[in-house]
Every structure is written in C-alpha cells, then in structure tokens.
C-alpha atoms as a PDB file:
ATOM      1  CA  MET A   1      28.987-110.419-180.951  1.00  0.00           C
ATOM      2  CA  MET A   2      32.760-110.193-181.332  1.00  0.00           C
ATOM      3  CA  ALA A   3      32.524-111.430-184.917  1.00  0.00           C
ATOM      4  CA  LEU A   4      29.951-108.712-185.688  1.00  0.00           C
ATOM      5  CA  LEU A   5      32.175-106.030-184.171  1.00  0.00           C
ATOM      6  CA  LYS A   6      35.140-107.314-186.169  1.00  0.00           C
ATOM      7  CA  ARG A   7      33.149-107.185-189.423  1.00  0.00           C
ATOM      8  CA  SER A   8      31.934-103.678-188.630  1.00  0.00           C
ATOM      9  CA  TYR A   9      35.478-102.551-187.819  1.00  0.00           C
ATOM     10  CA  ILE A  10      36.765-103.892-191.134  1.00  0.00           C
ATOM     11  CA  ASP A  11      33.982-102.197-193.094  1.00  0.00           C
ATOM     12  CA  LEU A  12      34.676 -98.940-191.260  1.00  0.00           C
ATOM     13  CA  LEU A  13      38.349 -99.099-192.229  1.00  0.00           C
ATOM     14  CA  LEU A  14      37.426 -99.765-195.843  1.00  0.00           C
ATOM     15  CA  LEU A  15      34.979 -96.846-195.817  1.00  0.00           C
ATOM     16  CA  LEU A  16      37.750 -94.601-194.505  1.00  0.00           C
ATOM     17  CA  ALA A  17      40.008 -95.815-197.324  1.00  0.00           C
ATOM     18  CA  VAL A  18      37.299 -95.004-199.877  1.00  0.00           C
ATOM     19  CA  ALA A  19      36.694 -91.573-198.320  1.00  0.00           C
ATOM     20  CA  ALA A  20      40.416 -90.735-198.262  1.00  0.00           C
ATOM     21  CA  THR A  21      40.898 -91.798-201.869  1.00  0.00           C
ATOM     22  CA  ALA A  22      37.803 -89.942-203.053  1.00  0.00           C
ATOM     23  CA  GLY A  23      38.872 -86.844-201.147  1.00  0.00           C
ATOM     24  CA  TRP A  24      42.302 -86.895-202.763  1.00  0.00           C
ATOM     25  CA  SER A  25      41.039 -87.585-206.294  1.00  0.00           C
ATOM     26  CA  GLY A  26      38.184 -85.103-205.963  1.00  0.00           C
ATOM     27  CA  TRP A  27      40.525 -82.353-204.820  1.00  0.00           C
ATOM     28  CA  GLU A  28      42.973 -83.125-207.619  1.00  0.00           C
ATOM     29  CA  ALA A  29      40.136 -83.013-210.147  1.00  0.00           C
ATOM     30  CA  THR A  30      39.132 -79.522-208.997  1.00  0.00           C
ATOM     31  CA  ARG A  31      42.601 -78.209-208.163  1.00  0.00           C
ATOM     32  CA  VAL A  32      43.667 -78.231-211.808  1.00  0.00           C
ATOM     33  CA  TYR A  33      41.254 -75.342-212.410  1.00  0.00           C
ATOM     34  CA  GLY A  34      43.009 -73.196-209.825  1.00  0.00           C
ATOM     35  CA  ASP A  35      41.022 -70.021-209.159  1.00  0.00           C
ATOM     36  CA  THR A  36      38.636 -70.616-212.041  1.00  0.00           C
ATOM     37  CA  LEU A  37      35.658 -72.895-212.615  1.00  0.00           C
ATOM     38  CA  MET A  38      35.214 -75.448-215.345  1.00  0.00           C
ATOM     39  CA  LEU A  39      33.211 -74.110-218.286  1.00  0.00           C
ATOM     40  CA  SER A  40      29.934 -75.855-217.467  1.00  0.00           C
ATOM     41  CA  ALA A  41      30.114 -74.712-213.836  1.00  0.00           C
ATOM     42  CA  GLN A  42      30.709 -71.101-214.916  1.00  0.00           C
ATOM     43  CA  SER A  43      27.283 -71.024-216.563  1.00  0.00           C
ATOM     44  CA  HIS A  44      25.634 -71.851-213.216  1.00  0.00           C
ATOM     45  CA  LEU A  45      27.599 -69.459-211.033  1.00  0.00           C
ATOM     46  CA  PHE A  46      24.802 -66.876-211.164  1.00  0.00           C
ATOM     47  CA  GLY A  47      22.625 -69.294-209.193  1.00  0.00           C
ATOM     48  CA  LEU A  48      24.927 -69.084-206.167  1.00  0.00           C
ATOM     49  CA  ARG A  49      23.982 -65.469-205.567  1.00  0.00           C
ATOM     50  CA  ALA A  50      21.544 -66.501-202.833  1.00  0.00           C
ATOM     51  CA  SER A  51      24.263 -68.650-201.223  1.00  0.00           C
ATOM     52  CA  ALA A  52      26.771 -65.793-201.236  1.00  0.00           C
ATOM     53  CA  LEU A  53      24.265 -63.310-199.808  1.00  0.00           C
ATOM     54  CA  PHE A  54      23.431 -65.746-197.022  1.00  0.00           C
ATOM     55  CA  ALA A  55      27.131 -66.152-196.226  1.00  0.00           C
ATOM     56  CA  ALA A  56      27.471 -62.361-196.191  1.00  0.00           C
ATOM     57  CA  GLY A  57      24.810 -62.101-193.482  1.00  0.00           C
ATOM     58  CA  GLN A  58      21.880 -60.957-195.631  1.00  0.00           C
ATOM     59  CA  GLY A  59      19.539 -63.795-194.690  1.00  0.00           C
ATOM     60  CA  TRP A  60      18.311 -66.714-196.725  1.00  0.00           C
ATOM     61  CA  GLY A  61      16.582 -65.486-199.861  1.00  0.00           C
ATOM     62  CA  ARG A  62      15.513 -62.227-198.246  1.00  0.00           C
ATOM     63  CA  ALA A  63      17.792 -59.336-199.221  1.00  0.00           C
ATOM     64  CA  ASN A  64      19.631 -58.541-202.423  1.00  0.00           C
ATOM     65  CA  CYS A  65      22.430 -56.084-203.154  1.00  0.00           C
ATOM     66  CA  ASP A  66      23.094 -54.042-206.249  1.00  0.00           C
ATOM     67  CA  GLU A  67      26.561 -53.307-207.587  1.00  0.00           C
ATOM     68  CA  THR A  68      26.942 -50.147-205.508  1.00  0.00           C
ATOM     69  CA  GLU A  69      26.095 -51.936-202.248  1.00  0.00           C
ATOM     70  CA  PHE A  70      28.183 -55.059-202.836  1.00  0.00           C
ATOM     71  CA  PRO A  71      30.544 -54.514-205.799  1.00  0.00           C
ATOM     72  CA  GLU A  72      32.702 -57.484-204.767  1.00  0.00           C
ATOM     73  CA  LEU A  73      29.779 -59.853-205.278  1.00  0.00           C
ATOM     74  CA  ALA A  74      29.170 -58.437-208.751  1.00  0.00           C
ATOM     75  CA  ALA A  75      32.858 -58.970-209.549  1.00  0.00           C
ATOM     76  CA  PHE A  76      32.716 -62.539-208.213  1.00  0.00           C
ATOM     77  CA  MET A  77      29.645 -63.366-210.286  1.00  0.00           C
ATOM     78  CA  ALA A  78      31.375 -61.919-213.344  1.00  0.00           C
ATOM     79  CA  GLN A  79      34.403 -64.129-212.523  1.00  0.00           C
ATOM     80  CA  GLU A  80      36.632 -61.085-212.228  1.00  0.00           C
ATOM     81  CA  VAL A  81      37.771 -62.129-208.743  1.00  0.00           C
ATOM     82  CA  ALA A  82      38.183 -65.602-207.231  1.00  0.00           C
ATOM     83  CA  ALA A  83      37.241 -64.723-203.645  1.00  0.00           C
ATOM     84  CA  ILE A  84      35.465 -62.079-201.582  1.00  0.00           C
ATOM     85  CA  PRO A  85      37.182 -60.980-198.344  1.00  0.00           C
ATOM     86  CA  ARG A  86      34.952 -61.028-195.285  1.00  0.00           C
ATOM     87  CA  ASN A  87      35.642 -57.346-194.561  1.00  0.00           C
ATOM     88  CA  ALA A  88      33.939 -56.541-197.877  1.00  0.00           C
ATOM     89  CA  TYR A  89      30.570 -57.922-196.762  1.00  0.00           C
ATOM     90  CA  PRO A  90      27.945 -55.132-196.617  1.00  0.00           C
ATOM     91  CA  ALA A  91      26.170 -54.257-193.392  1.00  0.00           C
ATOM     92  CA  ALA A  92      22.774 -54.357-195.090  1.00  0.00           C
ATOM     93  CA  CYS A  93      21.175 -54.524-198.530  1.00  0.00           C
ATOM     94  CA  ALA A  94      18.133 -52.488-199.457  1.00  0.00           C
ATOM     95  CA  GLN A  95      16.607 -54.622-202.193  1.00  0.00           C
ATOM     96  CA  GLU A  96      14.348 -57.644-201.842  1.00  0.00           C
ATOM     97  CA  PHE A  97      15.679 -60.948-203.169  1.00  0.00           C
ATOM     98  CA  ARG A  98      13.636 -62.347-206.035  1.00  0.00           C
ATOM     99  CA  ARG A  99      13.081 -66.076-205.526  1.00  0.00           C
ATOM    100  CA  ASP A 100      12.874 -67.526-209.011  1.00  0.00           C
ATOM    101  CA  LEU A 101      12.452 -71.103-210.240  1.00  0.00           C
ATOM    102  CA  TYR A 102      16.201 -71.725-210.121  1.00  0.00           C
ATOM    103  CA  PHE A 103      16.168 -70.884-206.412  1.00  0.00           C
ATOM    104  CA  TYR A 104      13.383 -73.359-205.659  1.00  0.00           C
ATOM    105  CA  TYR A 105      14.589 -76.137-207.979  1.00  0.00           C
ATOM    106  CA  HIS A 106      18.057 -76.014-206.383  1.00  0.00           C
ATOM    107  CA  TYR A 107      16.982 -75.046-202.878  1.00  0.00           C
ATOM    108  CA  TYR A 108      19.134 -77.539-200.959  1.00  0.00           C
ATOM    109  CA  LEU A 109      22.120 -77.168-203.267  1.00  0.00           C
ATOM    110  CA  LEU A 110      22.100 -73.409-202.705  1.00  0.00           C
ATOM    111  CA  ALA A 111      21.655 -73.904-198.952  1.00  0.00           C
ATOM    112  CA  TYR A 112      24.575 -76.361-198.928  1.00  0.00           C
ATOM    113  CA  MET A 113      26.758 -73.882-200.782  1.00  0.00           C
ATOM    114  CA  GLY A 114      25.609 -71.065-198.506  1.00  0.00           C
ATOM    115  CA  VAL A 115      26.697 -72.954-195.391  1.00  0.00           C
ATOM    116  CA  LEU A 116      30.106 -73.707-196.891  1.00  0.00           C
ATOM    117  CA  PHE A 117      30.504 -70.104-198.037  1.00  0.00           C
ATOM    118  CA  ARG A 118      29.731 -68.916-194.521  1.00  0.00           C
ATOM    119  CA  ILE A 119      32.249 -71.304-192.942  1.00  0.00           C
ATOM    120  CA  PHE A 120      35.082 -71.155-195.471  1.00  0.00           C
ATOM    121  CA  GLY A 121      34.418 -67.865-197.235  1.00  0.00           C
ATOM    122  CA  ILE A 122      32.949 -66.955-200.610  1.00  0.00           C
ATOM    123  CA  SER A 123      35.480 -68.219-203.118  1.00  0.00           C
ATOM    124  CA  VAL A 124      36.053 -70.515-206.061  1.00  0.00           C
ATOM    125  CA  ARG A 125      38.106 -72.756-203.783  1.00  0.00           C
ATOM    126  CA  THR A 126      35.057 -73.240-201.552  1.00  0.00           C
ATOM    127  CA  ILE A 127      33.071 -74.344-204.594  1.00  0.00           C
ATOM    128  CA  HIS A 128      35.827 -76.846-205.330  1.00  0.00           C
ATOM    129  CA  LEU A 129      35.665 -78.041-201.723  1.00  0.00           C
ATOM    130  CA  ALA A 130      31.910 -78.562-202.083  1.00  0.00           C
ATOM    131  CA  CYS A 131      32.508 -80.743-205.151  1.00  0.00           C
ATOM    132  CA  MET A 132      35.145 -82.765-203.320  1.00  0.00           C
ATOM    133  CA  LEU A 133      32.786 -83.423-200.396  1.00  0.00           C
ATOM    134  CA  MET A 134      30.047 -84.534-202.789  1.00  0.00           C
ATOM    135  CA  HIS A 135      32.533 -86.879-204.451  1.00  0.00           C
ATOM    136  CA  ILE A 136      33.381 -88.439-201.083  1.00  0.00           C
ATOM    137  CA  ALA A 137      29.692 -88.936-200.303  1.00  0.00           C
ATOM    138  CA  ALA A 138      29.066 -90.471-203.726  1.00  0.00           C
ATOM    139  CA  MET A 139      31.916 -92.962-203.421  1.00  0.00           C
ATOM    140  CA  LEU A 140      30.837 -94.019-199.926  1.00  0.00           C
ATOM    141  CA  ALA A 141      27.337 -94.665-201.262  1.00  0.00           C
ATOM    142  CA  LEU A 142      28.818 -96.565-204.200  1.00  0.00           C
ATOM    143  CA  TYR A 143      30.825 -98.793-201.851  1.00  0.00           C
ATOM    144  CA  GLY A 144      27.666 -99.524-199.871  1.00  0.00           C
ATOM    145  CA  LEU A 145      25.776-100.302-203.067  1.00  0.00           C
ATOM    146  CA  LEU A 146      28.480-102.679-204.274  1.00  0.00           C
ATOM    147  CA  ARG A 147      28.446-104.425-200.891  1.00  0.00           C
ATOM    148  CA  GLN A 148      24.876-105.502-201.621  1.00  0.00           C
ATOM    149  CA  VAL A 149      26.118-107.767-204.425  1.00  0.00           C
ATOM    150  CA  ALA A 150      29.827-108.382-203.753  1.00  0.00           C
ATOM    151  CA  GLY A 151      32.353-108.954-201.001  1.00  0.00           C
ATOM    152  CA  ARG A 152      34.536-106.370-199.343  1.00  0.00           C
ATOM    153  CA  LEU A 153      37.537-106.578-201.645  1.00  0.00           C
ATOM    154  CA  LEU A 154      35.552-106.444-204.872  1.00  0.00           C
ATOM    155  CA  SER A 155      33.439-103.596-203.505  1.00  0.00           C
ATOM    156  CA  LEU A 156      36.555-101.718-202.418  1.00  0.00           C
ATOM    157  CA  ALA A 157      38.187-102.250-205.807  1.00  0.00           C
ATOM    158  CA  GLY A 158      35.080-101.074-207.643  1.00  0.00           C
ATOM    159  CA  ALA A 159      34.658 -97.947-205.512  1.00  0.00           C
ATOM    160  CA  LEU A 160      38.338 -97.024-205.747  1.00  0.00           C
ATOM    161  CA  TYR A 161      38.360 -97.580-209.502  1.00  0.00           C
ATOM    162  CA  VAL A 162      35.453 -95.183-210.011  1.00  0.00           C
ATOM    163  CA  ALA A 163      36.849 -92.706-207.474  1.00  0.00           C
ATOM    164  CA  VAL A 164      40.059 -92.219-209.482  1.00  0.00           C
ATOM    165  CA  SER A 165      38.740 -92.847-212.993  1.00  0.00           C
ATOM    166  CA  PRO A 166      39.716 -89.887-215.223  1.00  0.00           C
ATOM    167  CA  ALA A 167      36.542 -90.228-217.282  1.00  0.00           C
ATOM    168  CA  TYR A 168      34.410 -90.033-214.138  1.00  0.00           C
ATOM    169  CA  LEU A 169      36.410 -87.202-212.559  1.00  0.00           C
ATOM    170  CA  LEU A 170      35.682 -84.944-215.524  1.00  0.00           C
ATOM    171  CA  ILE A 171      32.230 -84.156-214.137  1.00  0.00           C
ATOM    172  CA  VAL A 172      33.220 -83.772-210.467  1.00  0.00           C
ATOM    173  CA  PRO A 173      34.135 -80.030-210.672  1.00  0.00           C
ATOM    174  CA  ASP A 174      30.619 -79.155-211.913  1.00  0.00           C
ATOM    175  CA  PHE A 175      28.854 -78.391-208.635  1.00  0.00           C
ATOM    176  CA  ARG A 176      25.366 -78.384-210.178  1.00  0.00           C
ATOM    177  CA  ASP A 177      25.482 -81.459-212.421  1.00  0.00           C
ATOM    178  CA  TYR A 178      27.531 -83.572-210.007  1.00  0.00           C
ATOM    179  CA  GLY A 179      25.327 -82.610-207.063  1.00  0.00           C
ATOM    180  CA  LYS A 180      22.727 -85.234-207.961  1.00  0.00           C
ATOM    181  CA  THR A 181      25.212 -88.128-208.026  1.00  0.00           C
ATOM    182  CA  PRO A 182      25.513 -88.842-204.267  1.00  0.00           C
ATOM    183  CA  PHE A 183      21.731 -88.920-203.956  1.00  0.00           C
ATOM    184  CA  PHE A 184      21.149 -91.234-206.905  1.00  0.00           C
ATOM    185  CA  LEU A 185      23.707 -93.666-205.491  1.00  0.00           C
ATOM    186  CA  ALA A 186      22.238 -93.369-201.988  1.00  0.00           C
ATOM    187  CA  VAL A 187      18.761 -94.154-203.329  1.00  0.00           C
ATOM    188  CA  PHE A 188      20.096 -97.161-205.261  1.00  0.00           C
ATOM    189  CA  LEU A 189      21.767 -98.364-202.062  1.00  0.00           C
ATOM    190  CA  LEU A 190      18.459 -98.072-200.225  1.00  0.00           C
ATOM    191  CA  PHE A 191      16.749 -99.990-203.036  1.00  0.00           C
ATOM    192  CA  GLY A 192      19.257-102.774-202.468  1.00  0.00           C
ATOM    193  CA  LEU A 193      18.625-102.808-198.724  1.00  0.00           C
ATOM    194  CA  MET A 194      14.900-102.863-199.380  1.00  0.00           C
ATOM    195  CA  LEU A 195      14.960-105.788-201.806  1.00  0.00           C
ATOM    196  CA  ARG A 196      17.876-107.926-200.666  1.00  0.00           C
ATOM    197  CA  GLN A 197      15.988-109.891-198.008  1.00  0.00           C
ATOM    198  CA  PRO A 198      12.657-109.950-196.188  1.00  0.00           C
ATOM    199  CA  ARG A 199      12.257-106.981-193.867  1.00  0.00           C
ATOM    200  CA  THR A 200      10.269-106.515-190.698  1.00  0.00           C
ATOM    201  CA  PRO A 201       7.602-103.805-190.935  1.00  0.00           C
ATOM    202  CA  ARG A 202       9.752-101.461-188.866  1.00  0.00           C
ATOM    203  CA  GLN A 203      12.783-101.995-191.106  1.00  0.00           C
ATOM    204  CA  LEU A 204      10.712-101.502-194.234  1.00  0.00           C
ATOM    205  CA  LEU A 205       9.186 -98.264-192.950  1.00  0.00           C
ATOM    206  CA  LEU A 206      12.598 -96.908-191.929  1.00  0.00           C
ATOM    207  CA  ILE A 207      14.153 -97.735-195.302  1.00  0.00           C
ATOM    208  CA  ALA A 208      11.163 -96.230-197.094  1.00  0.00           C
ATOM    209  CA  ALA A 209      11.453 -93.034-195.038  1.00  0.00           C
ATOM    210  CA  ALA A 210      15.189 -92.852-195.756  1.00  0.00           C
ATOM    211  CA  THR A 211      14.513 -93.318-199.464  1.00  0.00           C
ATOM    212  CA  GLY A 212      11.986 -90.499-199.443  1.00  0.00           C
ATOM    213  CA  LEU A 213      14.414 -88.284-197.540  1.00  0.00           C
ATOM    214  CA  ALA A 214      17.359 -88.976-199.871  1.00  0.00           C
ATOM    215  CA  SER A 215      15.315 -88.455-203.012  1.00  0.00           C
ATOM    216  CA  GLY A 216      13.595 -85.373-201.582  1.00  0.00           C
ATOM    217  CA  ILE A 217      16.828 -83.650-200.575  1.00  0.00           C
ATOM    218  CA  GLY A 218      18.406 -84.777-203.848  1.00  0.00           C
ATOM    219  CA  TYR A 219      15.529 -83.157-205.735  1.00  0.00           C
ATOM    220  CA  GLY A 220      16.565 -79.899-204.077  1.00  0.00           C
ATOM    221  CA  PHE A 221      20.039 -80.391-205.548  1.00  0.00           C
ATOM    222  CA  ARG A 222      18.872 -81.349-209.020  1.00  0.00           C
ATOM    223  CA  GLU A 223      15.292 -82.000-210.130  1.00  0.00           C
ATOM    224  CA  ASP A 224      16.399 -85.173-211.970  1.00  0.00           C
ATOM    225  CA  LEU A 225      15.839 -87.035-208.672  1.00  0.00           C
ATOM    226  CA  LEU A 226      12.096 -86.820-209.267  1.00  0.00           C
ATOM    227  CA  ILE A 227      12.422 -89.809-211.585  1.00  0.00           C
ATOM    228  CA  VAL A 228      13.269 -92.170-208.708  1.00  0.00           C
ATOM    229  CA  LEU A 229      10.008 -91.600-206.811  1.00  0.00           C
ATOM    230  CA  PRO A 230       7.639 -93.598-209.060  1.00  0.00           C
ATOM    231  CA  VAL A 231      10.279 -96.328-209.385  1.00  0.00           C
ATOM    232  CA  ALA A 232      10.657 -96.476-205.607  1.00  0.00           C
ATOM    233  CA  VAL A 233       6.902 -96.665-205.062  1.00  0.00           C
ATOM    234  CA  ALA A 234       6.602 -99.485-207.600  1.00  0.00           C
ATOM    235  CA  LEU A 235       9.437-101.411-205.941  1.00  0.00           C
ATOM    236  CA  VAL A 236       7.846-101.088-202.515  1.00  0.00           C
ATOM    237  CA  LEU A 237       4.377-102.117-203.655  1.00  0.00           C
ATOM    238  CA  LEU A 238       5.360-104.936-205.991  1.00  0.00           C
ATOM    239  CA  HIS A 239       8.715-106.381-204.980  1.00  0.00           C
ATOM    240  CA  THR A 240       9.426-105.959-201.273  1.00  0.00           C
ATOM    241  CA  GLN A 241       9.205-108.949-198.959  1.00  0.00           C
ATOM    242  CA  VAL A 242       7.664-108.275-195.562  1.00  0.00           C
ATOM    243  CA  ALA A 243       8.259-110.672-192.690  1.00  0.00           C
ATOM    244  CA  ALA A 244       4.817-110.124-191.145  1.00  0.00           C
ATOM    245  CA  PRO A 245       1.126-110.746-191.787  1.00  0.00           C
ATOM    246  CA  ARG A 246      -0.850-108.279-193.918  1.00  0.00           C
ATOM    247  CA  ARG A 247       2.114-107.706-196.178  1.00  0.00           C
ATOM    248  CA  GLN A 248       0.271-105.531-198.697  1.00  0.00           C
ATOM    249  CA  LEU A 249      -0.901-103.141-195.982  1.00  0.00           C
ATOM    250  CA  TRP A 250       2.679-102.676-194.806  1.00  0.00           C
ATOM    251  CA  ARG A 251       3.783-102.094-198.382  1.00  0.00           C
ATOM    252  CA  ILE A 252       1.117 -99.445-198.867  1.00  0.00           C
ATOM    253  CA  ALA A 253       2.113 -97.807-195.566  1.00  0.00           C
ATOM    254  CA  ALA A 254       5.787 -97.789-196.609  1.00  0.00           C
ATOM    255  CA  ALA A 255       4.967 -96.243-199.991  1.00  0.00           C
ATOM    256  CA  ALA A 256       2.820 -93.580-198.318  1.00  0.00           C
ATOM    257  CA  ILE A 257       5.592 -92.711-195.841  1.00  0.00           C
ATOM    258  CA  MET A 258       8.121 -92.515-198.656  1.00  0.00           C
ATOM    259  CA  VAL A 259       6.008 -90.065-200.657  1.00  0.00           C
ATOM    260  CA  ALA A 260       5.166 -88.016-197.556  1.00  0.00           C
ATOM    261  CA  VAL A 261       8.835 -87.661-196.576  1.00  0.00           C
ATOM    262  CA  PHE A 262       9.776 -86.787-200.153  1.00  0.00           C
ATOM    263  CA  LEU A 263       7.208 -83.997-200.202  1.00  0.00           C
END
C-alpha cells in the first residue's frame, strides 16, 4: 500500500512538472502575438460569435445582435479591437441566432470558448488562454501515453521535449486546429490502457465509455475525431483481452457502449 502511494505521489509530481512546463511554453507561444491572433486563427474568429454572445448574456445560440445593437462585437470580429469591456454588453438582442454547420461541427469548442469568455472577458488574450489550457491538457495526455511504453524519466523527457519544441508550438495559438490535439492524445492513451493487459469486464466497459466520451467531445471541437471511432471499435472487437468467460460478448458490449457514448 505504501509503495503504491509513493508511486502515485511521484507520478503526480511529474504530472505537475509537465503541466507547469506546458503552461509556460503555451503562454509564451501565444504571448508573442500580443493583442492579435495568428493568421490561421484569424480566419476562424467569425465562428466565435456564438461564444461571445453567450458570454454577453444572450443565451447559447439563441439571440444575435446587429452592428447597431452590439457595435463592439462587430469591431472585435473585424479585429479592430482586442477586447470588449463588460459594460458594453447589450441588455438584449432582437435577432434570432442562425445555427449553421460551423456551430454544430464545433459545438463543444464554441461552448468551451463561451465559458472562458464569460469568466475572463471577451478578448484575444482569453483566446490565447484557451490555447494554453489545451496545450496543458495535451501534454498531460502525452505523458500518460508515454507511460504505457516507457518509465517515468523517459516519459517525462518526451513530454517536456514536445511541450517546448518550437516546431510543435507553432500550431498551439490556433484555437480551432489545435483543439483536436488533446482529444486525439487522450484517445490514444485510452487505447493503450485498453490493450496493455487483460481487463476485467468492468474495466473494459469503463475504458470503452471513456473512449467514446473523449472522441465524442473531441468531435465537437474538430470533426477529425470521427476517424478514431471505427478504429476504436475494431480494437475492442479484435484485440482486447478480457479476463472473464464469454469474452466476445463483453467485447461487443464494450463496442456498443463506446458508440452510444460517442453519439
């Protein structure tokens, strides 16, 4: 018991080291842009309209404002201002919000940004903060993934190397394209947990549900996550080891739970 607690304590300290390093490098990667967004992120700023309206108290995908009702939002979307003061939020907007395909394909990404906008204010700096938090989550998942095949020190070195790699950090300030990264790595980590050793039926079902949840939420950040679902189902049905009788039935049940949670 004491040995288990000691191992857990060490892993927790290493996770904190990874999180601190990723937070620092992620903030540095976004800070260089100051009150502007990187070019690729600028092309997706229009999609955060629903997030900004939610933060301004207009509900989630319900009301929309024209330029006369909320001129500050129009200026923010046109990148003429870097932040919108809270006292500029309108009391109400008369128009109905049009939920297009971008809204549904990025549903959870927009909700994530809306929550951060509401807490920290509608600003470019909040978008940078969102990218930094996603970078921390991605590096924690990467450390966990590396731990499936390597020891603590090698896993720590690998995670820290990626966390501060200039080539990797180039994509971090793009809130839309980088948003899928933590979920891909989380799904790969769950694949490792699923395949590394025989699992009891309960463990297999829990891992399958977590895989469906991670890929489902990730799909709401970027639809690229759809590609992991057929791979995950194939892994469960063909490669998992179940420490119980009627193994194939448990595999089928796990695959069904995974798909149900994803949907």
